[in-house]
Amino acid sequence: WNITVFLPPEYYVEVDDILFILSCVVGLSICSLLLMENNIIKLVDFIVSYIILIGV
């Protein structure tokens, strides 16, 4: 996965960076949703599994 997306006019962003940013945004939004519901145990479980997922 070394595809490059060209954006106007001069700068480009790597797909890997976009995927990493998107995964971070999704993870943060899910964390905030779980926090709003006061599901601390689920939040901890999610963070642990998310870190393991990104690590792989």
Protein backbone atom coordinates (compact mmCIF):
# COMPACT_ATOMS: atom_id res chain seq x y z
CA TRP A 1 0.00 0.00 0.00
CA ASN A 2 2.10 2.88 -1.27
CA ILE A 3 -0.55 4.61 -3.34
CA THR A 4 -0.44 8.40 -3.44
CA VAL A 5 -3.50 10.63 -3.74
CA PHE A 6 -2.86 13.90 -5.54
CA LEU A 7 -4.65 16.96 -4.21
CA PRO A 8 -4.83 20.40 -5.89
CA PRO A 9 -2.60 22.07 -6.53
CA GLU A 10 0.85 21.13 -5.21
CA TYR A 11 0.71 18.98 -2.10
CA TYR A 12 -0.06 15.27 -1.83
CA VAL A 13 -1.09 12.99 0.99
CA GLU A 14 -0.18 9.35 1.39
CA VAL A 15 -3.05 6.89 1.65
CA ASP A 16 -1.48 5.37 4.76
CA ASP A 17 -1.61 8.76 6.51
CA ILE A 18 -5.26 9.24 5.52
CA LEU A 19 -6.20 5.78 6.82
CA PHE A 20 -4.32 6.43 10.07
CA ILE A 21 -6.04 9.78 10.59
CA LEU A 22 -9.45 8.28 9.80
CA SER A 23 -8.92 5.42 12.23
CA CYS A 24 -7.88 7.88 14.93
CA VAL A 25 -10.97 10.03 14.32
CA VAL A 26 -13.26 7.00 14.42
CA GLY A 27 -11.63 5.73 17.58
CA LEU A 28 -11.90 9.10 19.32
CA SER A 29 -15.55 9.51 18.34
CA ILE A 30 -16.42 6.04 19.62
CA CYS A 31 -14.51 6.77 22.84
CA SER A 32 -16.46 10.00 23.34
CA LEU A 33 -19.76 8.18 22.68
CA LEU A 34 -18.89 5.54 25.26
CA LEU A 35 -17.87 8.24 27.74
CA MET A 36 -21.19 10.02 27.28
CA GLU A 37 -22.96 6.77 28.14
CA ASN A 38 -20.71 6.36 31.21
CA ASN A 39 -19.64 2.91 30.06
CA ILE A 40 -16.15 3.08 31.50
CA ILE A 41 -15.62 -0.69 31.42
CA LYS A 42 -16.63 -0.88 27.76
CA LEU A 43 -14.41 2.13 27.07
CA VAL A 44 -11.38 0.44 28.59
CA ASP A 45 -12.10 -2.77 26.68
CA PHE A 46 -12.44 -0.81 23.45
CA ILE A 47 -9.19 1.13 23.97
CA VAL A 48 -7.26 -2.07 24.68
CA SER A 49 -8.64 -3.88 21.64
CA TYR A 50 -8.16 -0.77 19.47
CA ILE A 51 -4.50 -0.44 20.47
CA ILE A 52 -3.97 -4.15 19.73
CA LEU A 53 -5.71 -3.69 16.36
CA ILE A 54 -3.52 -0.74 15.38
CA GLY A 55 -0.42 -2.52 16.65
CA VAL A 56 -1.07 -5.38 14.24
